[in-house]
Every structure is written in C-alpha cells, then in structure tokens.
Amino acid sequence: MESISLLLGEALSPYLVKLTPSGAHGECLVTLKSTSGAIVVERAFNQAQLTDKRLLTDVVDGLHRDVLIAEGRLEPCVIAALRNAAQDKILASRN
C-alpha cells in the first residue's frame, strides 16, 4: 500500500495524498489535500483499482479531473460535451 501511496503522490503532486483503509471489503479512501492542508478531493476506491496498473491509471485520470472541477478550472458539463463529441466521431468513422 505504501508503494501505491508513493505513486499517487508523485502523479498528483503538488497535492498531498493520504490512503486510508475504508469499508469491510477492502475499500480505500484516497484524500487529496492542498499544501495548506485543505481537502480538495476525497474518494473511495476498490483495492483492485489501486493494485492493477491499468486501473490505477484510470484512478489517477479521474482524480486529476476531480481536482480540475474542485478548483473551478473545468466544468462537469464540459466533460459531458467532450465525451459526446468523441462518441460522435467514433460513430461517424464507422459509417
């Protein structure tokens, strides 16, 4: 778990990352704090998401997105619009 914490800390710098066991089924609470100590993002993940490299990449991407939203640098509706545009491109390329 410590190596995962180090990886997350490196990937999500300058935020301070704290991993806390949570739940009866091996869930883990990931807390990102600003350098001033304020909680920016807090999310629970399944243990498997943190131990599989591919899933861990998705976790980091999701946390990056959540930080952008929490800081007001990205609106959730922009994410939805980008996803819809990407799906439209995929559908158009199939036709």
C-alpha atoms as a PDB file:
ATOM      1  CA  MET A   1       0.000   0.000   0.000  1.00  0.00           C
ATOM      2  CA  GLU A   2       2.907   2.316   0.702  1.00  0.00           C
ATOM      3  CA  SER A   3       4.224   1.983  -2.873  1.00  0.00           C
ATOM      4  CA  ILE A   4       0.763   2.870  -4.204  1.00  0.00           C
ATOM      5  CA  SER A   5       0.695   5.919  -1.953  1.00  0.00           C
ATOM      6  CA  LEU A   6       4.097   6.997  -3.291  1.00  0.00           C
ATOM      7  CA  LEU A   7       2.973   6.509  -6.901  1.00  0.00           C
ATOM      8  CA  LEU A   8      -0.200   8.515  -6.322  1.00  0.00           C
ATOM      9  CA  GLY A   9       1.751  11.212  -4.511  1.00  0.00           C
ATOM     10  CA  GLU A  10       4.149  11.520  -7.428  1.00  0.00           C
ATOM     11  CA  ALA A  11       1.382  11.533 -10.048  1.00  0.00           C
ATOM     12  CA  LEU A  12      -0.791  14.027  -8.183  1.00  0.00           C
ATOM     13  CA  SER A  13       1.874  16.426  -6.973  1.00  0.00           C
ATOM     14  CA  PRO A  14       1.668  19.123  -5.522  1.00  0.00           C
ATOM     15  CA  TYR A  15      -1.298  17.643  -3.637  1.00  0.00           C
ATOM     16  CA  LEU A  16      -0.688  15.600  -0.509  1.00  0.00           C
ATOM     17  CA  VAL A  17      -2.128  12.096  -0.897  1.00  0.00           C
ATOM     18  CA  LYS A  18      -3.421  10.054   2.018  1.00  0.00           C
ATOM     19  CA  LEU A  19      -4.674   6.460   1.691  1.00  0.00           C
ATOM     20  CA  THR A  20      -6.915   5.164   4.469  1.00  0.00           C
ATOM     21  CA  PRO A  21      -8.482   1.682   4.659  1.00  0.00           C
ATOM     22  CA  SER A  22     -12.242   2.072   4.496  1.00  0.00           C
ATOM     23  CA  GLY A  23     -15.056  -0.460   4.431  1.00  0.00           C
ATOM     24  CA  ALA A  24     -15.359  -4.178   5.071  1.00  0.00           C
ATOM     25  CA  HIS A  25     -14.488  -5.239   1.516  1.00  0.00           C
ATOM     26  CA  GLY A  26     -11.033  -3.716   1.217  1.00  0.00           C
ATOM     27  CA  GLU A  27     -12.058  -0.291   0.011  1.00  0.00           C
ATOM     28  CA  CYS A  28      -9.570   2.522   0.371  1.00  0.00           C
ATOM     29  CA  LEU A  29     -10.280   6.210   0.883  1.00  0.00           C
ATOM     30  CA  VAL A  30      -7.988   8.492  -1.139  1.00  0.00           C
ATOM     31  CA  THR A  31      -7.767  12.045   0.173  1.00  0.00           C
ATOM     32  CA  LEU A  32      -6.020  14.839  -1.721  1.00  0.00           C
ATOM     33  CA  LYS A  33      -5.081  17.902   0.295  1.00  0.00           C
ATOM     34  CA  SER A  34      -3.689  21.214  -0.829  1.00  0.00           C
ATOM     35  CA  THR A  35      -0.343  22.387   0.538  1.00  0.00           C
ATOM     36  CA  SER A  36      -2.327  24.431   3.076  1.00  0.00           C
ATOM     37  CA  GLY A  37      -3.985  21.226   4.353  1.00  0.00           C
ATOM     38  CA  ALA A  38      -7.464  21.797   2.900  1.00  0.00           C
ATOM     39  CA  ILE A  39      -9.181  18.709   1.475  1.00  0.00           C
ATOM     40  CA  VAL A  40      -9.564  19.162  -2.285  1.00  0.00           C
ATOM     41  CA  VAL A  41     -10.895  15.720  -3.260  1.00  0.00           C
ATOM     42  CA  GLU A  42     -11.847  12.624  -1.280  1.00  0.00           C
ATOM     43  CA  ARG A  43     -12.946   9.403  -2.978  1.00  0.00           C
ATOM     44  CA  ALA A  44     -13.243   5.736  -2.120  1.00  0.00           C
ATOM     45  CA  PHE A  45     -11.796   3.084  -4.413  1.00  0.00           C
ATOM     46  CA  ASN A  46     -11.833  -0.686  -4.533  1.00  0.00           C
ATOM     47  CA  GLN A  47      -8.490  -2.288  -3.640  1.00  0.00           C
ATOM     48  CA  ALA A  48      -8.293  -3.846  -7.128  1.00  0.00           C
ATOM     49  CA  GLN A  49      -8.400  -0.387  -8.723  1.00  0.00           C
ATOM     50  CA  LEU A  50      -5.256   0.550  -6.829  1.00  0.00           C
ATOM     51  CA  THR A  51      -3.281  -2.629  -7.489  1.00  0.00           C
ATOM     52  CA  ASP A  52      -3.852  -3.071 -11.247  1.00  0.00           C
ATOM     53  CA  LYS A  53      -1.649  -0.745 -13.354  1.00  0.00           C
ATOM     54  CA  ARG A  54      -4.317  -0.050 -15.974  1.00  0.00           C
ATOM     55  CA  LEU A  55      -6.993   0.635 -13.375  1.00  0.00           C
ATOM     56  CA  LEU A  56      -4.592   2.781 -11.346  1.00  0.00           C
ATOM     57  CA  THR A  57      -4.078   4.945 -14.434  1.00  0.00           C
ATOM     58  CA  ASP A  58      -7.850   5.426 -14.605  1.00  0.00           C
ATOM     59  CA  VAL A  59      -7.894   6.338 -10.903  1.00  0.00           C
ATOM     60  CA  VAL A  60      -5.206   8.998 -11.429  1.00  0.00           C
ATOM     61  CA  ASP A  61      -7.001  10.385 -14.502  1.00  0.00           C
ATOM     62  CA  GLY A  62     -10.257  10.565 -12.545  1.00  0.00           C
ATOM     63  CA  LEU A  63      -8.593  12.290  -9.607  1.00  0.00           C
ATOM     64  CA  HIS A  64      -6.953  14.811 -11.964  1.00  0.00           C
ATOM     65  CA  ARG A  65     -10.391  15.555 -13.436  1.00  0.00           C
ATOM     66  CA  ASP A  66     -11.924  15.871  -9.967  1.00  0.00           C
ATOM     67  CA  VAL A  67      -9.188  18.316  -8.918  1.00  0.00           C
ATOM     68  CA  LEU A  68      -9.822  20.454 -12.006  1.00  0.00           C
ATOM     69  CA  ILE A  69     -13.534  20.515 -11.211  1.00  0.00           C
ATOM     70  CA  ALA A  70     -12.947  21.229  -7.494  1.00  0.00           C
ATOM     71  CA  GLU A  71     -10.669  24.136  -8.366  1.00  0.00           C
ATOM     72  CA  GLY A  72     -13.167  25.526 -10.868  1.00  0.00           C
ATOM     73  CA  ARG A  73     -10.847  25.012 -13.829  1.00  0.00           C
ATOM     74  CA  LEU A  74     -13.192  22.553 -15.537  1.00  0.00           C
ATOM     75  CA  GLU A  75     -16.968  22.410 -15.520  1.00  0.00           C
ATOM     76  CA  PRO A  76     -18.701  18.995 -15.436  1.00  0.00           C
ATOM     77  CA  CYS A  77     -20.819  19.995 -18.448  1.00  0.00           C
ATOM     78  CA  VAL A  78     -17.605  20.483 -20.469  1.00  0.00           C
ATOM     79  CA  ILE A  79     -16.615  16.890 -19.724  1.00  0.00           C
ATOM     80  CA  ALA A  80     -20.020  15.663 -20.906  1.00  0.00           C
ATOM     81  CA  ALA A  81     -19.726  17.718 -24.097  1.00  0.00           C
ATOM     82  CA  LEU A  82     -16.244  16.348 -24.813  1.00  0.00           C
ATOM     83  CA  ARG A  83     -17.434  12.767 -24.284  1.00  0.00           C
ATOM     84  CA  ASN A  84     -20.394  13.305 -26.609  1.00  0.00           C
ATOM     85  CA  ALA A  85     -18.134  14.812 -29.287  1.00  0.00           C
ATOM     86  CA  ALA A  86     -15.752  11.847 -29.024  1.00  0.00           C
ATOM     87  CA  GLN A  87     -18.629   9.366 -29.339  1.00  0.00           C
ATOM     88  CA  ASP A  88     -19.982  11.247 -32.362  1.00  0.00           C
ATOM     89  CA  LYS A  89     -16.555  10.973 -34.046  1.00  0.00           C
ATOM     90  CA  ILE A  90     -16.422   7.235 -33.382  1.00  0.00           C
ATOM     91  CA  LEU A  91     -19.915   6.723 -34.796  1.00  0.00           C
ATOM     92  CA  ALA A  92     -19.164   8.893 -37.828  1.00  0.00           C
ATOM     93  CA  SER A  93     -15.976   6.946 -38.593  1.00  0.00           C
ATOM     94  CA  ARG A  94     -17.912   3.670 -38.596  1.00  0.00           C
ATOM     95  CA  ASN A  95     -20.326   4.873 -41.260  1.00  0.00           C
END
